[in-house]
Amino acid sequence: MVAAEIVLGSIALEHIGRLVVGSVIANATVHRFLGHAPVYATPNFRFVSNWELVLYLLLGLVAGQLAPRFPKLLDLASHGFKRLPVPLYARMALGGLLVGAISVYEPQVWGNGYSTVNSVLHASWPWQALATVLILKLLATAATIGSGAVGSAFTPTLFVGAMLGALFESLTGALFPAGIAAPSAYAVAGMGAMLAGTTQAPLMSILMVFELTLDYPIVLPLMLACITAHYTALQYPGAKSIYAESLLPREGSR
């Protein structure tokens, strides 16, 4: 689905067939030699009531508002670093210095964020901590990619989505203390919603987050949040996938 929705921009059957064959063989090979376990282990999910789906729809709306701004933040950081009258290695050193300074203050933003996201999935964080880590992760990602360092925005997007979802649950939980699911459910839905809004690939986002968690009961609210975030993000003029620039033909390529 990554190749179909993001690279090819189509889920037509003539494309899907060969992608499925390659993916199944690769997946079976990895499971044979390395085993099979979710990347993000989640507690058991359950609906408190069906009206709670409204909250997942609202979460999708919030993620859809933030998603188009994430690539713009990265572009703004990139343009800002490029205007500096210093060579590339100096810009990368400055970016590393900024990330290091942020990480000294808040170590949770360091690295790919797997341990931090898993911590959020299994423990209830104060909303102040969630908001702080969310903002600082955005700044650290912008400093990294903007300075020219080689890196992907994929795991930062999942990280930001998890923090956003958990923060959303923390705030709504104050209004409905006994009427909503655990923070982990909203963190997982937030991961998918943020990914769908930034990549403009909602089906890929639904399937990928499900496979990362292997939490089938979360699929229903996950689908609602992803689709809502996707169409909300599309309402912004000039909204584009976070991978749009990387898919453009390179200079001198044929």
C-alpha atoms as a PDB file:
ATOM      1  CA  MET A   1       0.000   0.000   0.000  1.00  0.00           C
ATOM      2  CA  VAL A   2       2.949   2.345   0.559  1.00  0.00           C
ATOM      3  CA  ALA A   3       4.154   1.743  -2.982  1.00  0.00           C
ATOM      4  CA  ALA A   4       0.643   1.899  -4.431  1.00  0.00           C
ATOM      5  CA  GLU A   5      -0.747   5.012  -2.716  1.00  0.00           C
ATOM      6  CA  ILE A   6       2.406   7.083  -2.217  1.00  0.00           C
ATOM      7  CA  VAL A   7       4.748   6.135  -5.059  1.00  0.00           C
ATOM      8  CA  LEU A   8       2.362   5.060  -7.838  1.00  0.00           C
ATOM      9  CA  GLY A   9      -0.626   7.075  -6.666  1.00  0.00           C
ATOM     10  CA  SER A  10      -2.984   4.269  -7.658  1.00  0.00           C
ATOM     11  CA  ILE A  11      -4.448   1.100  -6.156  1.00  0.00           C
ATOM     12  CA  ALA A  12      -5.460  -0.282  -9.550  1.00  0.00           C
ATOM     13  CA  LEU A  13      -5.407  -4.069  -9.793  1.00  0.00           C
ATOM     14  CA  GLU A  14      -2.670  -4.120 -12.423  1.00  0.00           C
ATOM     15  CA  HIS A  15      -0.355  -2.525  -9.859  1.00  0.00           C
ATOM     16  CA  ILE A  16      -1.594  -4.217  -6.682  1.00  0.00           C
ATOM     17  CA  GLY A  17      -1.026  -7.801  -7.878  1.00  0.00           C
ATOM     18  CA  ARG A  18       2.755  -7.714  -8.127  1.00  0.00           C
ATOM     19  CA  LEU A  19       3.041  -5.546  -5.000  1.00  0.00           C
ATOM     20  CA  VAL A  20       1.048  -8.079  -2.988  1.00  0.00           C
ATOM     21  CA  VAL A  21       3.197 -10.982  -4.180  1.00  0.00           C
ATOM     22  CA  GLY A  22       6.430  -9.208  -3.288  1.00  0.00           C
ATOM     23  CA  SER A  23       5.098  -8.064   0.083  1.00  0.00           C
ATOM     24  CA  VAL A  24       3.778 -11.492   1.070  1.00  0.00           C
ATOM     25  CA  ILE A  25       7.076 -13.210   0.221  1.00  0.00           C
ATOM     26  CA  ALA A  26       9.093 -10.590   2.111  1.00  0.00           C
ATOM     27  CA  ASN A  27       6.760 -10.723   5.103  1.00  0.00           C
ATOM     28  CA  ALA A  28       6.785 -14.515   5.288  1.00  0.00           C
ATOM     29  CA  THR A  29      10.584 -14.545   5.055  1.00  0.00           C
ATOM     30  CA  VAL A  30      10.990 -12.104   7.929  1.00  0.00           C
ATOM     31  CA  HIS A  31       8.520 -14.028  10.098  1.00  0.00           C
ATOM     32  CA  ARG A  32      10.333 -17.278   9.383  1.00  0.00           C
ATOM     33  CA  PHE A  33      13.723 -16.041  10.539  1.00  0.00           C
ATOM     34  CA  LEU A  34      12.998 -13.187  12.951  1.00  0.00           C
ATOM     35  CA  GLY A  35       9.594 -14.075  14.387  1.00  0.00           C
ATOM     36  CA  HIS A  36       6.498 -11.907  14.510  1.00  0.00           C
ATOM     37  CA  ALA A  37       5.530  -9.350  17.130  1.00  0.00           C
ATOM     38  CA  PRO A  38       3.900  -5.914  17.043  1.00  0.00           C
ATOM     39  CA  VAL A  39       6.224  -2.910  16.952  1.00  0.00           C
ATOM     40  CA  TYR A  40       3.898  -1.065  19.311  1.00  0.00           C
ATOM     41  CA  ALA A  41       2.323  -3.380  21.878  1.00  0.00           C
ATOM     42  CA  THR A  42      -1.007  -1.945  22.978  1.00  0.00           C
ATOM     43  CA  PRO A  43      -3.290  -2.774  25.912  1.00  0.00           C
ATOM     44  CA  ASN A  44      -6.596  -4.405  25.071  1.00  0.00           C
ATOM     45  CA  PHE A  45      -8.978  -1.891  23.520  1.00  0.00           C
ATOM     46  CA  ARG A  46     -12.697  -1.692  24.183  1.00  0.00           C
ATOM     47  CA  PHE A  47     -15.437   0.805  23.415  1.00  0.00           C
ATOM     48  CA  VAL A  48     -17.057   2.417  26.405  1.00  0.00           C
ATOM     49  CA  SER A  49     -20.023   3.378  24.216  1.00  0.00           C
ATOM     50  CA  ASN A  50     -20.726   3.878  20.528  1.00  0.00           C
ATOM     51  CA  TRP A  51     -21.063   7.658  20.933  1.00  0.00           C
ATOM     52  CA  GLU A  52     -17.328   7.668  21.539  1.00  0.00           C
ATOM     53  CA  LEU A  53     -16.889   7.404  17.765  1.00  0.00           C
ATOM     54  CA  VAL A  54     -17.718  11.112  17.677  1.00  0.00           C
ATOM     55  CA  LEU A  55     -14.520  11.776  19.623  1.00  0.00           C
ATOM     56  CA  TYR A  56     -12.445   9.829  17.108  1.00  0.00           C
ATOM     57  CA  LEU A  57     -14.026  11.892  14.357  1.00  0.00           C
ATOM     58  CA  LEU A  58     -13.049  15.044  16.244  1.00  0.00           C
ATOM     59  CA  LEU A  59      -9.532  13.675  16.674  1.00  0.00           C
ATOM     60  CA  GLY A  60      -9.372  13.201  12.905  1.00  0.00           C
ATOM     61  CA  LEU A  61     -10.438  16.811  12.418  1.00  0.00           C
ATOM     62  CA  VAL A  62      -7.720  18.034  14.785  1.00  0.00           C
ATOM     63  CA  ALA A  63      -5.050  15.867  13.128  1.00  0.00           C
ATOM     64  CA  GLY A  64      -6.245  17.045   9.718  1.00  0.00           C
ATOM     65  CA  GLN A  65      -5.681  20.646  10.832  1.00  0.00           C
ATOM     66  CA  LEU A  66      -2.146  19.929  12.052  1.00  0.00           C
ATOM     67  CA  ALA A  67      -1.056  17.572   9.268  1.00  0.00           C
ATOM     68  CA  PRO A  68      -0.679  20.142   6.427  1.00  0.00           C
ATOM     69  CA  ARG A  69       1.335  22.384   8.724  1.00  0.00           C
ATOM     70  CA  PHE A  70       3.933  19.692   9.443  1.00  0.00           C
ATOM     71  CA  PRO A  71       5.411  19.601   5.905  1.00  0.00           C
ATOM     72  CA  LYS A  72       5.244  23.401   5.809  1.00  0.00           C
ATOM     73  CA  LEU A  73       7.249  23.538   9.032  1.00  0.00           C
ATOM     74  CA  LEU A  74       9.888  21.272   7.497  1.00  0.00           C
ATOM     75  CA  ASP A  75       9.988  23.384   4.324  1.00  0.00           C
ATOM     76  CA  LEU A  76      10.289  26.569   6.366  1.00  0.00           C
ATOM     77  CA  ALA A  77      13.174  25.096   8.355  1.00  0.00           C
ATOM     78  CA  SER A  78      14.881  23.924   5.158  1.00  0.00           C
ATOM     79  CA  HIS A  79      14.612  27.342   3.521  1.00  0.00           C
ATOM     80  CA  GLY A  80      15.846  29.005   6.686  1.00  0.00           C
ATOM     81  CA  PHE A  81      18.957  26.826   6.904  1.00  0.00           C
ATOM     82  CA  LYS A  82      19.687  27.263   3.193  1.00  0.00           C
ATOM     83  CA  ARG A  83      19.748  31.022   3.594  1.00  0.00           C
ATOM     84  CA  LEU A  84      22.594  30.781   6.076  1.00  0.00           C
ATOM     85  CA  PRO A  85      25.907  31.816   4.410  1.00  0.00           C
ATOM     86  CA  VAL A  86      27.703  28.646   5.516  1.00  0.00           C
ATOM     87  CA  PRO A  87      28.492  25.311   3.796  1.00  0.00           C
ATOM     88  CA  LEU A  88      26.295  22.232   4.168  1.00  0.00           C
ATOM     89  CA  TYR A  89      28.430  20.583   6.840  1.00  0.00           C
ATOM     90  CA  ALA A  90      28.150  23.711   9.008  1.00  0.00           C
ATOM     91  CA  ARG A  91      24.355  23.769   8.596  1.00  0.00           C
ATOM     92  CA  MET A  92      24.189  20.095   9.575  1.00  0.00           C
ATOM     93  CA  ALA A  93      26.398  20.779  12.596  1.00  0.00           C
ATOM     94  CA  LEU A  94      24.070  23.594  13.641  1.00  0.00           C
ATOM     95  CA  GLY A  95      21.068  21.304  13.210  1.00  0.00           C
ATOM     96  CA  GLY A  96      22.762  18.664  15.342  1.00  0.00           C
ATOM     97  CA  LEU A  97      23.534  21.260  17.998  1.00  0.00           C
ATOM     98  CA  LEU A  98      19.882  22.339  18.127  1.00  0.00           C
ATOM     99  CA  VAL A  99      18.651  18.758  18.376  1.00  0.00           C
ATOM    100  CA  GLY A 100      21.211  18.030  21.065  1.00  0.00           C
ATOM    101  CA  ALA A 101      20.165  21.070  23.089  1.00  0.00           C
ATOM    102  CA  ILE A 102      16.501  20.066  22.840  1.00  0.00           C
ATOM    103  CA  SER A 103      17.351  16.491  23.814  1.00  0.00           C
ATOM    104  CA  VAL A 104      19.299  17.610  26.872  1.00  0.00           C
ATOM    105  CA  TYR A 105      16.204  19.445  28.052  1.00  0.00           C
ATOM    106  CA  GLU A 106      13.774  16.684  26.991  1.00  0.00           C
ATOM    107  CA  PRO A 107      15.430  13.300  26.230  1.00  0.00           C
ATOM    108  CA  GLN A 108      12.093  11.815  25.074  1.00  0.00           C
ATOM    109  CA  VAL A 109      12.429  13.533  21.686  1.00  0.00           C
ATOM    110  CA  TRP A 110      15.699  11.764  20.913  1.00  0.00           C
ATOM    111  CA  GLY A 111      15.877   8.922  18.384  1.00  0.00           C
ATOM    112  CA  ASN A 112      13.060   7.195  16.539  1.00  0.00           C
ATOM    113  CA  GLY A 113      10.651   7.507  19.460  1.00  0.00           C
ATOM    114  CA  TYR A 114       9.640   3.841  19.769  1.00  0.00           C
ATOM    115  CA  SER A 115      10.283   3.706  23.513  1.00  0.00           C
ATOM    116  CA  THR A 116       8.470   6.985  24.144  1.00  0.00           C
ATOM    117  CA  VAL A 117       5.427   5.978  22.100  1.00  0.00           C
ATOM    118  CA  ASN A 118       5.287   2.589  23.850  1.00  0.00           C
ATOM    119  CA  SER A 119       5.473   4.409  27.185  1.00  0.00           C
ATOM    120  CA  VAL A 120       2.504   6.587  26.210  1.00  0.00           C
ATOM    121  CA  LEU A 121       0.598   3.478  25.138  1.00  0.00           C
ATOM    122  CA  HIS A 122       1.042   1.871  28.556  1.00  0.00           C
ATOM    123  CA  ALA A 123       0.964   4.782  30.977  1.00  0.00           C
ATOM    124  CA  SER A 124      -1.087   7.911  31.481  1.00  0.00           C
ATOM    125  CA  TRP A 125       1.049  11.029  30.975  1.00  0.00           C
ATOM    126  CA  PRO A 126       0.106  14.495  32.291  1.00  0.00           C
ATOM    127  CA  TRP A 127      -1.165  16.719  29.502  1.00  0.00           C
ATOM    128  CA  GLN A 128       1.634  19.213  30.161  1.00  0.00           C
ATOM    129  CA  ALA A 129       4.258  16.541  29.464  1.00  0.00           C
ATOM    130  CA  LEU A 130       2.465  15.422  26.296  1.00  0.00           C
ATOM    131  CA  ALA A 131       2.217  18.981  24.978  1.00  0.00           C
ATOM    132  CA  THR A 132       5.878  19.699  25.755  1.00  0.00           C
ATOM    133  CA  VAL A 133       7.171  16.552  24.064  1.00  0.00           C
ATOM    134  CA  LEU A 134       4.885  17.122  21.070  1.00  0.00           C
ATOM    135  CA  ILE A 135       6.142  20.663  20.453  1.00  0.00           C
ATOM    136  CA  LEU A 136       9.805  19.831  21.044  1.00  0.00           C
ATOM    137  CA  LYS A 137       9.627  16.806  18.733  1.00  0.00           C
ATOM    138  CA  LEU A 138       8.286  19.039  15.967  1.00  0.00           C
ATOM    139  CA  LEU A 139      11.174  21.462  16.504  1.00  0.00           C
ATOM    140  CA  ALA A 140      13.786  18.688  16.657  1.00  0.00           C
ATOM    141  CA  THR A 141      12.481  17.111  13.450  1.00  0.00           C
ATOM    142  CA  ALA A 142      12.487  20.486  11.701  1.00  0.00           C
ATOM    143  CA  ALA A 143      16.075  21.130  12.820  1.00  0.00           C
ATOM    144  CA  THR A 144      17.196  17.697  11.629  1.00  0.00           C
ATOM    145  CA  ILE A 145      15.578  17.631   8.207  1.00  0.00           C
ATOM    146  CA  GLY A 146      15.867  21.365   7.641  1.00  0.00           C
ATOM    147  CA  SER A 147      19.621  21.370   8.206  1.00  0.00           C
ATOM    148  CA  GLY A 148      20.097  18.768   5.471  1.00  0.00           C
ATOM    149  CA  ALA A 149      20.639  15.669   7.576  1.00  0.00           C
ATOM    150  CA  VAL A 150      19.489  12.436   5.990  1.00  0.00           C
ATOM    151  CA  GLY A 151      16.406  11.169   7.745  1.00  0.00           C
ATOM    152  CA  SER A 152      12.786  10.216   7.310  1.00  0.00           C
ATOM    153  CA  ALA A 153       9.707  12.006   8.584  1.00  0.00           C
ATOM    154  CA  PHE A 154       7.824   8.698   8.950  1.00  0.00           C
ATOM    155  CA  THR A 155       8.571   7.819  12.588  1.00  0.00           C
ATOM    156  CA  PRO A 156       8.366  11.484  13.695  1.00  0.00           C
ATOM    157  CA  THR A 157       4.897  11.596  12.125  1.00  0.00           C
ATOM    158  CA  LEU A 158       3.830   8.538  14.112  1.00  0.00           C
ATOM    159  CA  PHE A 159       5.407  10.050  17.230  1.00  0.00           C
ATOM    160  CA  VAL A 160       3.592  13.364  16.804  1.00  0.00           C
ATOM    161  CA  GLY A 161       0.324  11.539  16.091  1.00  0.00           C
ATOM    162  CA  ALA A 162       0.650   9.429  19.235  1.00  0.00           C
ATOM    163  CA  MET A 163       1.342  12.496  21.385  1.00  0.00           C
ATOM    164  CA  LEU A 164      -1.545  14.362  19.755  1.00  0.00           C
ATOM    165  CA  GLY A 165      -3.962  11.485  20.317  1.00  0.00           C
ATOM    166  CA  ALA A 166      -2.933  11.017  23.942  1.00  0.00           C
ATOM    167  CA  LEU A 167      -3.156  14.769  24.538  1.00  0.00           C
ATOM    168  CA  PHE A 168      -6.623  14.805  22.958  1.00  0.00           C
ATOM    169  CA  GLU A 169      -7.703  11.989  25.298  1.00  0.00           C
ATOM    170  CA  SER A 170      -6.232  13.790  28.291  1.00  0.00           C
ATOM    171  CA  LEU A 171      -8.255  16.917  27.574  1.00  0.00           C
ATOM    172  CA  THR A 172     -11.504  15.161  26.647  1.00  0.00           C
ATOM    173  CA  GLY A 173     -11.049  12.750  29.544  1.00  0.00           C
ATOM    174  CA  ALA A 174     -11.287  15.715  31.894  1.00  0.00           C
ATOM    175  CA  LEU A 175     -14.742  16.397  30.456  1.00  0.00           C
ATOM    176  CA  PHE A 176     -15.861  12.751  30.382  1.00  0.00           C
ATOM    177  CA  PRO A 177     -13.836  11.053  33.135  1.00  0.00           C
ATOM    178  CA  ALA A 178     -15.646   7.703  32.961  1.00  0.00           C
ATOM    179  CA  GLY A 179     -16.956   7.728  29.432  1.00  0.00           C
ATOM    180  CA  ILE A 180     -14.018   7.159  27.077  1.00  0.00           C
ATOM    181  CA  ALA A 181     -11.393   4.544  26.330  1.00  0.00           C
ATOM    182  CA  ALA A 182      -7.828   4.494  27.619  1.00  0.00           C
ATOM    183  CA  PRO A 183      -5.211   6.964  26.275  1.00  0.00           C
ATOM    184  CA  SER A 184      -3.578   4.168  24.249  1.00  0.00           C
ATOM    185  CA  ALA A 185      -6.625   3.929  21.965  1.00  0.00           C
ATOM    186  CA  TYR A 186      -6.495   7.629  21.114  1.00  0.00           C
ATOM    187  CA  ALA A 187      -2.708   7.512  20.736  1.00  0.00           C
ATOM    188  CA  VAL A 188      -3.010   4.723  18.149  1.00  0.00           C
ATOM    189  CA  ALA A 189      -5.826   6.519  16.317  1.00  0.00           C
ATOM    190  CA  GLY A 190      -3.758   9.710  16.416  1.00  0.00           C
ATOM    191  CA  MET A 191      -0.798   7.916  14.829  1.00  0.00           C
ATOM    192  CA  GLY A 192      -2.946   6.801  11.925  1.00  0.00           C
ATOM    193  CA  ALA A 193      -4.734  10.124  11.559  1.00  0.00           C
ATOM    194  CA  MET A 194      -1.507  12.124  11.470  1.00  0.00           C
ATOM    195  CA  LEU A 195       0.025   9.682   8.994  1.00  0.00           C
ATOM    196  CA  ALA A 196      -3.047   9.840   6.740  1.00  0.00           C
ATOM    197  CA  GLY A 197      -3.107  13.625   6.820  1.00  0.00           C
ATOM    198  CA  THR A 198       0.570  14.092   6.019  1.00  0.00           C
ATOM    199  CA  THR A 199       0.968  11.354   3.389  1.00  0.00           C
ATOM    200  CA  GLN A 200      -2.489  11.661   1.783  1.00  0.00           C
ATOM    201  CA  ALA A 201      -2.587   7.869   1.822  1.00  0.00           C
ATOM    202  CA  PRO A 202      -5.450   6.907   4.162  1.00  0.00           C
ATOM    203  CA  LEU A 203      -5.693   3.217   3.248  1.00  0.00           C
ATOM    204  CA  MET A 204      -1.960   2.744   3.750  1.00  0.00           C
ATOM    205  CA  SER A 205      -2.182   4.546   7.091  1.00  0.00           C
ATOM    206  CA  ILE A 206      -5.018   2.346   8.340  1.00  0.00           C
ATOM    207  CA  LEU A 207      -3.306  -0.892   7.352  1.00  0.00           C
ATOM    208  CA  MET A 208       0.143   0.170   8.507  1.00  0.00           C
ATOM    209  CA  VAL A 209      -0.911   1.296  11.972  1.00  0.00           C
ATOM    210  CA  PHE A 210      -2.968  -1.870  12.359  1.00  0.00           C
ATOM    211  CA  GLU A 211       0.051  -3.986  11.428  1.00  0.00           C
ATOM    212  CA  LEU A 212       2.321  -2.005  13.765  1.00  0.00           C
ATOM    213  CA  THR A 213      -0.039  -2.685  16.681  1.00  0.00           C
ATOM    214  CA  LEU A 214      -1.884  -5.882  15.623  1.00  0.00           C
ATOM    215  CA  ASP A 215      -4.831  -4.500  17.587  1.00  0.00           C
ATOM    216  CA  TYR A 216      -7.881  -5.471  15.563  1.00  0.00           C
ATOM    217  CA  PRO A 217     -10.581  -3.912  17.806  1.00  0.00           C
ATOM    218  CA  ILE A 218      -9.026  -0.456  17.242  1.00  0.00           C
ATOM    219  CA  VAL A 219      -9.579  -0.681  13.468  1.00  0.00           C
ATOM    220  CA  LEU A 220     -13.058   0.874  13.488  1.00  0.00           C
ATOM    221  CA  PRO A 221     -12.121   4.130  15.264  1.00  0.00           C
ATOM    222  CA  LEU A 222      -8.766   4.093  13.442  1.00  0.00           C
ATOM    223  CA  MET A 223     -10.526   4.082  10.061  1.00  0.00           C
ATOM    224  CA  LEU A 224     -12.805   6.935  11.093  1.00  0.00           C
ATOM    225  CA  ALA A 225      -9.923   9.082  12.366  1.00  0.00           C
ATOM    226  CA  CYS A 226      -7.724   8.399   9.309  1.00  0.00           C
ATOM    227  CA  ILE A 227     -10.380   9.153   6.711  1.00  0.00           C
ATOM    228  CA  THR A 228     -11.512  12.292   8.548  1.00  0.00           C
ATOM    229  CA  ALA A 229      -7.931  13.571   8.863  1.00  0.00           C
ATOM    230  CA  HIS A 230      -7.241  12.844   5.197  1.00  0.00           C
ATOM    231  CA  TYR A 231     -10.208  14.811   3.855  1.00  0.00           C
ATOM    232  CA  THR A 232      -9.712  17.607   6.375  1.00  0.00           C
ATOM    233  CA  ALA A 233      -6.099  18.060   5.290  1.00  0.00           C
ATOM    234  CA  LEU A 234      -7.154  18.158   1.636  1.00  0.00           C
ATOM    235  CA  GLN A 235      -9.212  21.278   2.303  1.00  0.00           C
ATOM    236  CA  TYR A 236      -6.066  23.346   2.695  1.00  0.00           C
ATOM    237  CA  PRO A 237      -4.935  25.071  -0.522  1.00  0.00           C
ATOM    238  CA  GLY A 238      -1.668  23.635  -1.726  1.00  0.00           C
ATOM    239  CA  ALA A 239      -1.816  20.665   0.639  1.00  0.00           C
ATOM    240  CA  LYS A 240       0.581  17.971  -0.476  1.00  0.00           C
ATOM    241  CA  SER A 241       2.026  14.706   0.710  1.00  0.00           C
ATOM    242  CA  ILE A 242       5.056  14.928   2.940  1.00  0.00           C
ATOM    243  CA  TYR A 243       6.795  12.723   0.350  1.00  0.00           C
ATOM    244  CA  ALA A 244       5.856  14.924  -2.619  1.00  0.00           C
ATOM    245  CA  GLU A 245       9.298  16.514  -2.965  1.00  0.00           C
ATOM    246  CA  SER A 246      11.175  13.224  -2.696  1.00  0.00           C
ATOM    247  CA  LEU A 247       9.097  11.754  -5.532  1.00  0.00           C
ATOM    248  CA  LEU A 248       9.973  14.526  -7.983  1.00  0.00           C
ATOM    249  CA  PRO A 249      12.470  13.622 -10.748  1.00  0.00           C
ATOM    250  CA  ARG A 250      16.043  14.375  -9.755  1.00  0.00           C
ATOM    251  CA  GLU A 251      17.978  16.935 -11.731  1.00  0.00           C
ATOM    252  CA  GLY A 252      19.676  15.196 -14.640  1.00  0.00           C
ATOM    253  CA  SER A 253      17.546  12.037 -14.312  1.00  0.00           C
ATOM    254  CA  ARG A 254      15.730  10.573 -17.261  1.00  0.00           C
END
